[in-house]
Amino acid sequence: DLAALAARLLRPPPTLDLTHVTPIRYTMAEAMSAVERRIEDFGRAASFRDLVADCDERIQVVVRFLALLELYRDGRVELDQGETFGEIHVTWQS
Protein backbone atom coordinates (compact mmCIF):
# COMPACT_ATOMS: atom_id res chain seq x y z
CA ASP A 1 0.00 0.00 0.00
CA LEU A 2 2.85 2.38 0.83
CA ALA A 3 4.48 1.80 -2.57
CA ALA A 4 1.19 2.48 -4.37
CA LEU A 5 0.65 5.68 -2.38
CA ALA A 6 4.22 6.86 -3.09
CA ALA A 7 3.81 6.10 -6.79
CA ARG A 8 0.60 8.15 -6.90
CA LEU A 9 2.16 11.09 -5.04
CA LEU A 10 5.39 11.11 -7.06
CA ARG A 11 3.78 10.73 -10.46
CA PRO A 12 4.37 13.77 -12.74
CA PRO A 13 1.37 16.08 -13.04
CA PRO A 14 -0.72 15.81 -16.18
CA THR A 15 0.25 18.05 -19.07
CA LEU A 16 -1.78 21.25 -19.18
CA ASP A 17 -3.15 22.17 -22.60
CA LEU A 18 -2.59 25.89 -23.21
CA THR A 19 -3.30 25.96 -26.93
CA HIS A 20 -6.44 28.04 -26.32
CA VAL A 21 -4.47 30.83 -24.57
CA THR A 22 -3.29 33.64 -26.80
CA PRO A 23 0.36 34.52 -26.20
CA ILE A 24 1.01 38.13 -25.22
CA ARG A 25 3.15 39.77 -27.86
CA TYR A 26 3.24 43.23 -26.30
CA THR A 27 5.75 44.00 -23.58
CA MET A 28 5.55 46.46 -20.71
CA ALA A 29 8.57 48.32 -22.12
CA GLU A 30 6.81 48.73 -25.47
CA ALA A 31 3.66 49.94 -23.74
CA MET A 32 5.55 52.48 -21.62
CA SER A 33 7.31 53.82 -24.72
CA ALA A 34 4.00 54.03 -26.57
CA VAL A 35 2.43 55.97 -23.69
CA GLU A 36 5.38 58.39 -23.67
CA ARG A 37 5.12 58.95 -27.43
CA ARG A 38 1.34 59.35 -27.41
CA ILE A 39 1.27 61.75 -24.47
CA GLU A 40 3.93 63.92 -26.14
CA ASP A 41 1.75 64.00 -29.27
CA PHE A 42 -1.10 65.40 -27.15
CA GLY A 43 1.00 68.11 -25.51
CA ARG A 44 1.96 66.32 -22.28
CA ALA A 45 -1.65 65.72 -21.18
CA ALA A 46 -4.22 63.30 -22.57
CA SER A 47 -7.09 61.06 -21.62
CA PHE A 48 -6.61 57.32 -21.29
CA ARG A 49 -8.97 56.93 -24.24
CA ASP A 50 -6.58 59.07 -26.34
CA LEU A 51 -3.59 57.01 -25.21
CA VAL A 52 -5.14 53.73 -26.32
CA ALA A 53 -6.90 54.92 -29.48
CA ASP A 54 -4.22 53.33 -31.66
CA CYS A 55 -4.41 49.89 -29.98
CA ASP A 56 -5.50 47.07 -32.27
CA GLU A 57 -6.08 44.42 -29.62
CA ARG A 58 -7.69 44.40 -26.19
CA ILE A 59 -4.51 43.01 -24.60
CA GLN A 60 -2.67 46.15 -25.77
CA VAL A 61 -5.16 48.31 -23.87
CA VAL A 62 -4.66 46.20 -20.74
CA VAL A 63 -0.87 46.36 -20.96
CA ARG A 64 -0.96 50.13 -21.57
CA PHE A 65 -3.10 50.55 -18.47
CA LEU A 66 -0.55 48.55 -16.48
CA ALA A 67 2.20 50.70 -18.02
CA LEU A 68 0.37 53.82 -16.83
CA LEU A 69 0.27 52.40 -13.32
CA GLU A 70 4.03 51.77 -13.50
CA LEU A 71 4.64 55.32 -14.74
CA TYR A 72 2.46 56.65 -11.92
CA ARG A 73 4.36 54.61 -9.36
CA ASP A 74 7.63 56.03 -10.73
CA GLY A 75 6.22 59.58 -10.46
CA ARG A 76 6.43 60.18 -14.20
CA VAL A 77 2.70 60.76 -14.73
CA GLU A 78 -0.15 62.17 -12.68
CA LEU A 79 -3.55 60.49 -12.94
CA ASP A 80 -6.91 62.16 -12.31
CA GLN A 81 -10.37 60.63 -12.46
CA GLY A 82 -13.19 63.02 -11.62
CA GLU A 83 -15.80 60.38 -10.87
CA THR A 84 -16.09 56.64 -10.44
CA PHE A 85 -15.75 54.97 -13.84
CA GLY A 86 -15.13 58.42 -15.37
CA GLU A 87 -12.50 59.38 -17.89
CA ILE A 88 -8.91 59.00 -16.67
CA HIS A 89 -6.78 62.06 -17.40
CA VAL A 90 -3.03 61.64 -17.62
CA THR A 91 -0.46 64.42 -17.24
CA TRP A 92 3.25 63.89 -17.92
CA GLN A 93 5.43 64.97 -14.97
CA SER A 94 9.02 64.41 -16.13
PDB file of N, CA and C in Angstrom:
ATOM      1  N   ASP A   1       0.816  -1.193   0.000  1.00  0.00           N
ATOM      2  CA  ASP A   1       0.000   0.000   0.000  1.00  0.00           C
ATOM      3  C   ASP A   1       0.865   1.265   0.000  1.00  0.00           C
ATOM      4  N   LEU A   2       1.950   1.235   0.762  1.00  0.00           N
ATOM      5  CA  LEU A   2       2.851   2.382   0.831  1.00  0.00           C
ATOM      6  C   LEU A   2       3.490   2.673  -0.531  1.00  0.00           C
ATOM      7  N   ALA A   3       3.868   1.624  -1.242  1.00  0.00           N
ATOM      8  CA  ALA A   3       4.476   1.797  -2.566  1.00  0.00           C
ATOM      9  C   ALA A   3       3.461   2.392  -3.549  1.00  0.00           C
ATOM     10  N   ALA A   4       2.232   1.957  -3.484  1.00  0.00           N
ATOM     11  CA  ALA A   4       1.190   2.481  -4.373  1.00  0.00           C
ATOM     12  C   ALA A   4       0.915   3.950  -4.068  1.00  0.00           C
ATOM     13  N   LEU A   5       0.871   4.290  -2.787  1.00  0.00           N
ATOM     14  CA  LEU A   5       0.650   5.676  -2.378  1.00  0.00           C
ATOM     15  C   LEU A   5       1.809   6.559  -2.844  1.00  0.00           C
ATOM     16  N   ALA A   6       3.044   6.097  -2.652  1.00  0.00           N
ATOM     17  CA  ALA A   6       4.222   6.862  -3.086  1.00  0.00           C
ATOM     18  C   ALA A   6       4.212   7.040  -4.596  1.00  0.00           C
ATOM     19  N   ALA A   7       3.853   6.007  -5.328  1.00  0.00           N
ATOM     20  CA  ALA A   7       3.805   6.097  -6.792  1.00  0.00           C
ATOM     21  C   ALA A   7       2.783   7.145  -7.236  1.00  0.00           C
ATOM     22  N   ARG A   8       1.637   7.177  -6.572  1.00  0.00           N
ATOM     23  CA  ARG A   8       0.603   8.151  -6.904  1.00  0.00           C
ATOM     24  C   ARG A   8       1.057   9.575  -6.591  1.00  0.00           C
ATOM     25  N   LEU A   9       1.719   9.767  -5.456  1.00  0.00           N
ATOM     26  CA  LEU A   9       2.165  11.094  -5.043  1.00  0.00           C
ATOM     27  C   LEU A   9       3.345  11.608  -5.866  1.00  0.00           C
ATOM     28  N   LEU A  10       4.183  10.714  -6.333  1.00  0.00           N
ATOM     29  CA  LEU A  10       5.393  11.115  -7.057  1.00  0.00           C
ATOM     30  C   LEU A  10       5.217  11.119  -8.572  1.00  0.00           C
ATOM     31  N   ARG A  11       4.059  10.745  -9.028  1.00  0.00           N
ATOM     32  CA  ARG A  11       3.781  10.731 -10.457  1.00  0.00           C
ATOM     33  C   ARG A  11       3.794  12.167 -10.987  1.00  0.00           C
ATOM     34  N   PRO A  12       4.366  12.412 -12.191  1.00  0.00           N
ATOM     35  CA  PRO A  12       4.375  13.774 -12.737  1.00  0.00           C
ATOM     36  C   PRO A  12       2.946  14.259 -12.987  1.00  0.00           C
ATOM     37  N   PRO A  13       2.721  15.554 -12.813  1.00  0.00           N
ATOM     38  CA  PRO A  13       1.374  16.080 -13.040  1.00  0.00           C
ATOM     39  C   PRO A  13       0.985  15.956 -14.514  1.00  0.00           C
ATOM     40  N   PRO A  14      -0.296  15.904 -14.777  1.00  0.00           N
ATOM     41  CA  PRO A  14      -0.723  15.812 -16.179  1.00  0.00           C
ATOM     42  C   PRO A  14      -0.334  17.083 -16.939  1.00  0.00           C
ATOM     43  N   THR A  15      -0.100  16.923 -18.221  1.00  0.00           N
ATOM     44  CA  THR A  15       0.249  18.051 -19.072  1.00  0.00           C
ATOM     45  C   THR A  15      -0.958  18.968 -19.225  1.00  0.00           C
ATOM     46  N   LEU A  16      -0.717  20.265 -19.075  1.00  0.00           N
ATOM     47  CA  LEU A  16      -1.781  21.251 -19.179  1.00  0.00           C
ATOM     48  C   LEU A  16      -1.834  21.786 -20.605  1.00  0.00           C
ATOM     49  N   ASP A  17      -2.979  21.689 -21.228  1.00  0.00           N
ATOM     50  CA  ASP A  17      -3.152  22.166 -22.598  1.00  0.00           C
ATOM     51  C   ASP A  17      -3.394  23.673 -22.590  1.00  0.00           C
ATOM     52  N   LEU A  18      -2.471  24.434 -23.153  1.00  0.00           N
ATOM     53  CA  LEU A  18      -2.589  25.888 -23.210  1.00  0.00           C
ATOM     54  C   LEU A  18      -2.769  26.405 -24.637  1.00  0.00           C
ATOM     55  N   THR A  19      -3.168  25.543 -25.541  1.00  0.00           N
ATOM     56  CA  THR A  19      -3.304  25.963 -26.931  1.00  0.00           C
ATOM     57  C   THR A  19      -4.395  27.012 -27.120  1.00  0.00           C
ATOM     58  N   HIS A  20      -5.346  27.075 -26.208  1.00  0.00           N
ATOM     59  CA  HIS A  20      -6.436  28.045 -26.321  1.00  0.00           C
ATOM     60  C   HIS A  20      -6.045  29.429 -25.806  1.00  0.00           C
ATOM     61  N   VAL A  21      -4.910  29.554 -25.139  1.00  0.00           N
ATOM     62  CA  VAL A  21      -4.475  30.827 -24.571  1.00  0.00           C
ATOM     63  C   VAL A  21      -3.643  31.583 -25.613  1.00  0.00           C
ATOM     64  N   THR A  22      -4.013  32.815 -25.845  1.00  0.00           N
ATOM     65  CA  THR A  22      -3.290  33.645 -26.804  1.00  0.00           C
ATOM     66  C   THR A  22      -2.023  34.183 -26.151  1.00  0.00           C
ATOM     67  N   PRO A  23      -0.877  33.978 -26.786  1.00  0.00           N
ATOM     68  CA  PRO A  23       0.356  34.516 -26.198  1.00  0.00           C
ATOM     69  C   PRO A  23       0.369  36.046 -26.277  1.00  0.00           C
ATOM     70  N   ILE A  24       0.915  36.666 -25.246  1.00  0.00           N
ATOM     71  CA  ILE A  24       1.006  38.127 -25.218  1.00  0.00           C
ATOM     72  C   ILE A  24       2.245  38.537 -25.994  1.00  0.00           C
ATOM     73  N   ARG A  25       2.039  39.348 -27.012  1.00  0.00           N
ATOM     74  CA  ARG A  25       3.147  39.775 -27.862  1.00  0.00           C
ATOM     75  C   ARG A  25       3.438  41.258 -27.696  1.00  0.00           C
ATOM     76  N   TYR A  26       3.088  41.804 -26.561  1.00  0.00           N
ATOM     77  CA  TYR A  26       3.237  43.228 -26.303  1.00  0.00           C
ATOM     78  C   TYR A  26       3.848  43.378 -24.923  1.00  0.00           C
ATOM     79  N   THR A  27       5.041  43.933 -24.850  1.00  0.00           N
ATOM     80  CA  THR A  27       5.747  44.002 -23.580  1.00  0.00           C
ATOM     81  C   THR A  27       5.423  45.291 -22.820  1.00  0.00           C
ATOM     82  N   MET A  28       5.741  45.275 -21.547  1.00  0.00           N
ATOM     83  CA  MET A  28       5.549  46.460 -20.711  1.00  0.00           C
ATOM     84  C   MET A  28       6.433  47.602 -21.204  1.00  0.00           C
ATOM     85  N   ALA A  29       7.659  47.284 -21.609  1.00  0.00           N
ATOM     86  CA  ALA A  29       8.573  48.322 -22.117  1.00  0.00           C
ATOM     87  C   ALA A  29       7.996  48.977 -23.369  1.00  0.00           C
ATOM     88  N   GLU A  30       7.432  48.178 -24.261  1.00  0.00           N
ATOM     89  CA  GLU A  30       6.809  48.730 -25.471  1.00  0.00           C
ATOM     90  C   GLU A  30       5.620  49.617 -25.114  1.00  0.00           C
ATOM     91  N   ALA A  31       4.834  49.170 -24.154  1.00  0.00           N
ATOM     92  CA  ALA A  31       3.656  49.941 -23.737  1.00  0.00           C
ATOM     93  C   ALA A  31       4.064  51.263 -23.105  1.00  0.00           C
ATOM     94  N   MET A  32       5.091  51.247 -22.270  1.00  0.00           N
ATOM     95  CA  MET A  32       5.546  52.479 -21.622  1.00  0.00           C
ATOM     96  C   MET A  32       6.082  53.457 -22.664  1.00  0.00           C
ATOM     97  N   SER A  33       6.817  52.960 -23.643  1.00  0.00           N
ATOM     98  CA  SER A  33       7.315  53.823 -24.723  1.00  0.00           C
ATOM     99  C   SER A  33       6.166  54.401 -25.534  1.00  0.00           C
ATOM    100  N   ALA A  34       5.167  53.569 -25.813  1.00  0.00           N
ATOM    101  CA  ALA A  34       4.003  54.031 -26.573  1.00  0.00           C
ATOM    102  C   ALA A  34       3.254  55.121 -25.814  1.00  0.00           C
ATOM    103  N   VAL A  35       3.106  54.951 -24.509  1.00  0.00           N
ATOM    104  CA  VAL A  35       2.428  55.974 -23.694  1.00  0.00           C
ATOM    105  C   VAL A  35       3.221  57.273 -23.749  1.00  0.00           C
ATOM    106  N   GLU A  36       4.536  57.184 -23.605  1.00  0.00           N
ATOM    107  CA  GLU A  36       5.376  58.390 -23.673  1.00  0.00           C
ATOM    108  C   GLU A  36       5.200  59.115 -25.006  1.00  0.00           C
ATOM    109  N   ARG A  37       5.271  58.349 -26.096  1.00  0.00           N
ATOM    110  CA  ARG A  37       5.118  58.954 -27.433  1.00  0.00           C
ATOM    111  C   ARG A  37       3.750  59.587 -27.604  1.00  0.00           C
ATOM    112  N   ARG A  38       2.704  58.851 -27.216  1.00  0.00           N
ATOM    113  CA  ARG A  38       1.338  59.351 -27.414  1.00  0.00           C
ATOM    114  C   ARG A  38       1.077  60.596 -26.572  1.00  0.00           C
ATOM    115  N   ILE A  39       1.549  60.601 -25.332  1.00  0.00           N
ATOM    116  CA  ILE A  39       1.272  61.746 -24.471  1.00  0.00           C
ATOM    117  C   ILE A  39       2.028  62.977 -24.965  1.00  0.00           C
ATOM    118  N   GLU A  40       3.203  62.793 -25.544  1.00  0.00           N
ATOM    119  CA  GLU A  40       3.933  63.919 -26.138  1.00  0.00           C
ATOM    120  C   GLU A  40       3.158  64.465 -27.344  1.00  0.00           C
ATOM    121  N   ASP A  41       2.545  63.574 -28.116  1.00  0.00           N
ATOM    122  CA  ASP A  41       1.746  64.000 -29.269  1.00  0.00           C
ATOM    123  C   ASP A  41       0.567  64.875 -28.848  1.00  0.00           C
ATOM    124  N   PHE A  42       0.053  64.644 -27.643  1.00  0.00           N
ATOM    125  CA  PHE A  42      -1.097  65.401 -27.155  1.00  0.00           C
ATOM    126  C   PHE A  42      -0.700  66.590 -26.288  1.00  0.00           C
ATOM    127  N   GLY A  43       0.571  66.941 -26.266  1.00  0.00           N
ATOM    128  CA  GLY A  43       1.001  68.113 -25.512  1.00  0.00           C
ATOM    129  C   GLY A  43       1.169  67.866 -24.028  1.00  0.00           C
ATOM    130  N   ARG A  44       1.619  66.682 -23.662  1.00  0.00           N
ATOM    131  CA  ARG A  44       1.961  66.317 -22.276  1.00  0.00           C
ATOM    132  C   ARG A  44       0.757  66.069 -21.382  1.00  0.00           C
ATOM    133  N   ALA A  45      -0.448  66.072 -21.940  1.00  0.00           N
ATOM    134  CA  ALA A  45      -1.653  65.720 -21.180  1.00  0.00           C
ATOM    135  C   ALA A  45      -2.647  65.085 -22.147  1.00  0.00           C
ATOM    136  N   ALA A  46      -3.274  64.005 -21.706  1.00  0.00           N
ATOM    137  CA  ALA A  46      -4.221  63.299 -22.571  1.00  0.00           C
ATOM    138  C   ALA A  46      -5.138  62.442 -21.713  1.00  0.00           C
ATOM    139  N   SER A  47      -6.214  62.004 -22.317  1.00  0.00           N
ATOM    140  CA  SER A  47      -7.091  61.055 -21.624  1.00  0.00           C
ATOM    141  C   SER A  47      -6.587  59.640 -21.909  1.00  0.00           C
ATOM    142  N   PHE A  48      -6.981  58.713 -21.058  1.00  0.00           N
ATOM    143  CA  PHE A  48      -6.615  57.319 -21.285  1.00  0.00           C
ATOM    144  C   PHE A  48      -7.159  56.852 -22.630  1.00  0.00           C
ATOM    145  N   ARG A  49      -8.351  57.289 -22.953  1.00  0.00           N
ATOM    146  CA  ARG A  49      -8.966  56.929 -24.238  1.00  0.00           C
ATOM    147  C   ARG A  49      -8.072  57.372 -25.406  1.00  0.00           C
ATOM    148  N   ASP A  50      -7.496  58.582 -25.307  1.00  0.00           N
ATOM    149  CA  ASP A  50      -6.575  59.068 -26.340  1.00  0.00           C
ATOM    150  C   ASP A  50      -5.321  58.204 -26.421  1.00  0.00           C
ATOM    151  N   LEU A  51      -4.840  57.772 -25.263  1.00  0.00           N
ATOM    152  CA  LEU A  51      -3.589  57.012 -25.214  1.00  0.00           C
ATOM    153  C   LEU A  51      -3.728  55.594 -25.754  1.00  0.00           C
ATOM    154  N   VAL A  52      -4.941  55.097 -25.812  1.00  0.00           N
ATOM    155  CA  VAL A  52      -5.138  53.732 -26.317  1.00  0.00           C
ATOM    156  C   VAL A  52      -5.886  53.702 -27.657  1.00  0.00           C
ATOM    157  N   ALA A  53      -6.127  54.858 -28.232  1.00  0.00           N
ATOM    158  CA  ALA A  53      -6.904  54.918 -29.480  1.00  0.00           C
ATOM    159  C   ALA A  53      -6.234  54.161 -30.625  1.00  0.00           C
ATOM    160  N   ASP A  54      -4.930  54.023 -30.583  1.00  0.00           N
ATOM    161  CA  ASP A  54      -4.223  53.332 -31.662  1.00  0.00           C
ATOM    162  C   ASP A  54      -4.021  51.842 -31.397  1.00  0.00           C
ATOM    163  N   CYS A  55      -4.560  51.310 -30.312  1.00  0.00           N
ATOM    164  CA  CYS A  55      -4.411  49.892 -29.979  1.00  0.00           C
ATOM    165  C   CYS A  55      -5.313  49.040 -30.876  1.00  0.00           C
ATOM    166  N   ASP A  56      -4.744  47.970 -31.396  1.00  0.00           N
ATOM    167  CA  ASP A  56      -5.498  47.068 -32.267  1.00  0.00           C
ATOM    168  C   ASP A  56      -6.178  45.939 -31.495  1.00  0.00           C
ATOM    169  N   GLU A  57      -5.574  45.554 -30.372  1.00  0.00           N
ATOM    170  CA  GLU A  57      -6.079  44.418 -29.618  1.00  0.00           C
ATOM    171  C   GLU A  57      -6.373  44.820 -28.175  1.00  0.00           C
ATOM    172  N   ARG A  58      -7.299  44.116 -27.574  1.00  0.00           N
ATOM    173  CA  ARG A  58      -7.686  44.396 -26.188  1.00  0.00           C
ATOM    174  C   ARG A  58      -6.512  44.229 -25.237  1.00  0.00           C
ATOM    175  N   ILE A  59      -5.643  43.242 -25.497  1.00  0.00           N
ATOM    176  CA  ILE A  59      -4.509  43.012 -24.604  1.00  0.00           C
ATOM    177  C   ILE A  59      -3.577  44.220 -24.610  1.00  0.00           C
ATOM    178  N   GLN A  60      -3.494  44.943 -25.721  1.00  0.00           N
ATOM    179  CA  GLN A  60      -2.667  46.145 -25.774  1.00  0.00           C
ATOM    180  C   GLN A  60      -3.223  47.221 -24.835  1.00  0.00           C
ATOM    181  N   VAL A  61      -4.530  47.341 -24.770  1.00  0.00           N
ATOM    182  CA  VAL A  61      -5.162  48.311 -23.869  1.00  0.00           C
ATOM    183  C   VAL A  61      -4.843  47.937 -22.422  1.00  0.00           C
ATOM    184  N   VAL A  62      -4.945  46.666 -22.096  1.00  0.00           N
ATOM    185  CA  VAL A  62      -4.664  46.203 -20.741  1.00  0.00           C
ATOM    186  C   VAL A  62      -3.209  46.486 -20.366  1.00  0.00           C
ATOM    187  N   VAL A  63      -2.289  46.155 -21.263  1.00  0.00           N
ATOM    188  CA  VAL A  63      -0.867  46.360 -20.963  1.00  0.00           C
ATOM    189  C   VAL A  63      -0.551  47.851 -20.873  1.00  0.00           C
ATOM    190  N   ARG A  64      -1.184  48.682 -21.688  1.00  0.00           N
ATOM    191  CA  ARG A  64      -0.964  50.129 -21.573  1.00  0.00           C
ATOM    192  C   ARG A  64      -1.474  50.662 -20.240  1.00  0.00           C
ATOM    193  N   PHE A  65      -2.602  50.138 -19.775  1.00  0.00           N
ATOM    194  CA  PHE A  65      -3.099  50.552 -18.465  1.00  0.00           C
ATOM    195  C   PHE A  65      -2.098  50.177 -17.382  1.00  0.00           C
ATOM    196  N   LEU A  66      -1.560  48.967 -17.452  1.00  0.00           N
ATOM    197  CA  LEU A  66      -0.552  48.550 -16.483  1.00  0.00           C
ATOM    198  C   LEU A  66       0.701  49.420 -16.595  1.00  0.00           C
ATOM    199  N   ALA A  67       1.057  49.814 -17.823  1.00  0.00           N
ATOM    200  CA  ALA A  67       2.202  50.702 -18.023  1.00  0.00           C
ATOM    201  C   ALA A  67       1.943  52.059 -17.371  1.00  0.00           C
ATOM    202  N   LEU A  68       0.720  52.554 -17.488  1.00  0.00           N
ATOM    203  CA  LEU A  68       0.366  53.820 -16.826  1.00  0.00           C
ATOM    204  C   LEU A  68       0.523  53.712 -15.316  1.00  0.00           C
ATOM    205  N   LEU A  69       0.113  52.593 -14.756  1.00  0.00           N
ATOM    206  CA  LEU A  69       0.270  52.400 -13.316  1.00  0.00           C
ATOM    207  C   LEU A  69       1.747  52.382 -12.927  1.00  0.00           C
ATOM    208  N   GLU A  70       2.582  51.771 -13.751  1.00  0.00           N
ATOM    209  CA  GLU A  70       4.031  51.772 -13.504  1.00  0.00           C
ATOM    210  C   GLU A  70       4.586  53.192 -13.582  1.00  0.00           C
ATOM    211  N   LEU A  71       4.174  53.938 -14.591  1.00  0.00           N
ATOM    212  CA  LEU A  71       4.642  55.315 -14.740  1.00  0.00           C
ATOM    213  C   LEU A  71       4.174  56.172 -13.565  1.00  0.00           C
ATOM    214  N   TYR A  72       2.982  55.925 -13.088  1.00  0.00           N
ATOM    215  CA  TYR A  72       2.462  56.648 -11.921  1.00  0.00           C
ATOM    216  C   TYR A  72       3.287  56.316 -10.677  1.00  0.00           C
ATOM    217  N   ARG A  73       3.562  55.043 -10.511  1.00  0.00           N
ATOM    218  CA  ARG A  73       4.359  54.608  -9.360  1.00  0.00           C
ATOM    219  C   ARG A  73       5.748  55.251  -9.376  1.00  0.00           C
ATOM    220  N   ASP A  74       6.309  55.410 -10.581  1.00  0.00           N
ATOM    221  CA  ASP A  74       7.632  56.027 -10.732  1.00  0.00           C
ATOM    222  C   ASP A  74       7.585  57.545 -10.655  1.00  0.00           C
ATOM    223  N   GLY A  75       6.369  58.129 -10.548  1.00  0.00           N
ATOM    224  CA  GLY A  75       6.224  59.579 -10.455  1.00  0.00           C
ATOM    225  C   GLY A  75       6.377  60.300 -11.781  1.00  0.00           C
ATOM    226  N   ARG A  76       6.251  59.572 -12.876  1.00  0.00           N
ATOM    227  CA  ARG A  76       6.428  60.179 -14.202  1.00  0.00           C
ATOM    228  C   ARG A  76       5.135  60.715 -14.784  1.00  0.00           C
ATOM    229  N   VAL A  77       3.986  60.232 -14.292  1.00  0.00           N
ATOM    230  CA  VAL A  77       2.696  60.764 -14.731  1.00  0.00           C
ATOM    231  C   VAL A  77       1.825  61.017 -13.510  1.00  0.00           C
ATOM    232  N   GLU A  78       0.875  61.910 -13.692  1.00  0.00           N
ATOM    233  CA  GLU A  78      -0.149  62.169 -12.677  1.00  0.00           C
ATOM    234  C   GLU A  78      -1.473  61.695 -13.275  1.00  0.00           C
ATOM    235  N   LEU A  79      -2.272  61.008 -12.478  1.00  0.00           N
ATOM    236  CA  LEU A  79      -3.551  60.493 -12.943  1.00  0.00           C
ATOM    237  C   LEU A  79      -4.673  61.193 -12.192  1.00  0.00           C
ATOM    238  N   ASP A  80      -5.747  61.500 -12.916  1.00  0.00           N
ATOM    239  CA  ASP A  80      -6.905  62.155 -12.313  1.00  0.00           C
ATOM    240  C   ASP A  80      -8.156  61.540 -12.908  1.00  0.00           C
ATOM    241  N   GLN A  81      -9.083  61.180 -12.033  1.00  0.00           N
ATOM    242  CA  GLN A  81     -10.366  60.633 -12.462  1.00  0.00           C
ATOM    243  C   GLN A  81     -11.448  61.332 -11.649  1.00  0.00           C
ATOM    244  N   GLY A  82     -12.218  62.181 -12.305  1.00  0.00           N
ATOM    245  CA  GLY A  82     -13.190  63.017 -11.618  1.00  0.00           C
ATOM    246  C   GLY A  82     -14.306  62.266 -10.921  1.00  0.00           C
ATOM    247  N   GLU A  83     -14.701  61.140 -11.461  1.00  0.00           N
ATOM    248  CA  GLU A  83     -15.805  60.378 -10.871  1.00  0.00           C
ATOM    249  C   GLU A  83     -15.557  58.895 -11.080  1.00  0.00           C
ATOM    250  N   THR A  84     -16.219  58.082 -10.303  1.00  0.00           N
ATOM    251  CA  THR A  84     -16.091  56.636 -10.435  1.00  0.00           C
ATOM    252  C   THR A  84     -16.451  56.213 -11.859  1.00  0.00           C
ATOM    253  N   PHE A  85     -15.593  55.448 -12.465  1.00  0.00           N
ATOM    254  CA  PHE A  85     -15.750  54.965 -13.839  1.00  0.00           C
ATOM    255  C   PHE A  85     -15.701  56.101 -14.866  1.00  0.00           C
ATOM    256  N   GLY A  86     -15.266  57.284 -14.456  1.00  0.00           N
ATOM    257  CA  GLY A  86     -15.132  58.417 -15.375  1.00  0.00           C
ATOM    258  C   GLY A  86     -13.849  58.330 -16.174  1.00  0.00           C
ATOM    259  N   GLU A  87     -13.686  59.296 -17.044  1.00  0.00           N
ATOM    260  CA  GLU A  87     -12.499  59.375 -17.889  1.00  0.00           C
ATOM    261  C   GLU A  87     -11.257  59.559 -17.028  1.00  0.00           C
ATOM    262  N   ILE A  88     -10.191  58.857 -17.376  1.00  0.00           N
ATOM    263  CA  ILE A  88      -8.914  59.000 -16.674  1.00  0.00           C
ATOM    264  C   ILE A  88      -8.078  60.001 -17.453  1.00  0.00           C
ATOM    265  N   HIS A  89      -7.627  61.049 -16.773  1.00  0.00           N
ATOM    266  CA  HIS A  89      -6.783  62.064 -17.401  1.00  0.00           C
ATOM    267  C   HIS A  89      -5.355  61.869 -16.933  1.00  0.00           C
ATOM    268  N   VAL A  90      -4.433  61.912 -17.889  1.00  0.00           N
ATOM    269  CA  VAL A  90      -3.025  61.642 -17.620  1.00  0.00           C
ATOM    270  C   VAL A  90      -2.213  62.880 -17.950  1.00  0.00           C
ATOM    271  N   THR A  91      -1.335  63.283 -17.035  1.00  0.00           N
ATOM    272  CA  THR A  91      -0.458  64.423 -17.244  1.00  0.00           C
ATOM    273  C   THR A  91       0.974  63.977 -17.028  1.00  0.00           C
ATOM    274  N   TRP A  92       1.840  64.262 -17.998  1.00  0.00           N
ATOM    275  CA  TRP A  92       3.248  63.889 -17.921  1.00  0.00           C
ATOM    276  C   TRP A  92       3.960  64.786 -16.911  1.00  0.00           C
ATOM    277  N   GLN A  93       4.759  64.215 -16.026  1.00  0.00           N
ATOM    278  CA  GLN A  93       5.427  64.968 -14.975  1.00  0.00           C
ATOM    279  C   GLN A  93       6.919  65.166 -15.205  1.00  0.00           C
ATOM    280  N   SER A  94       7.558  64.330 -15.966  1.00  0.00           N
ATOM    281  CA  SER A  94       9.020  64.407 -16.125  1.00  0.00           C
ATOM    282  C   SER A  94       9.440  65.331 -17.231  1.00  0.00           C
TER     283      SER A  94
END
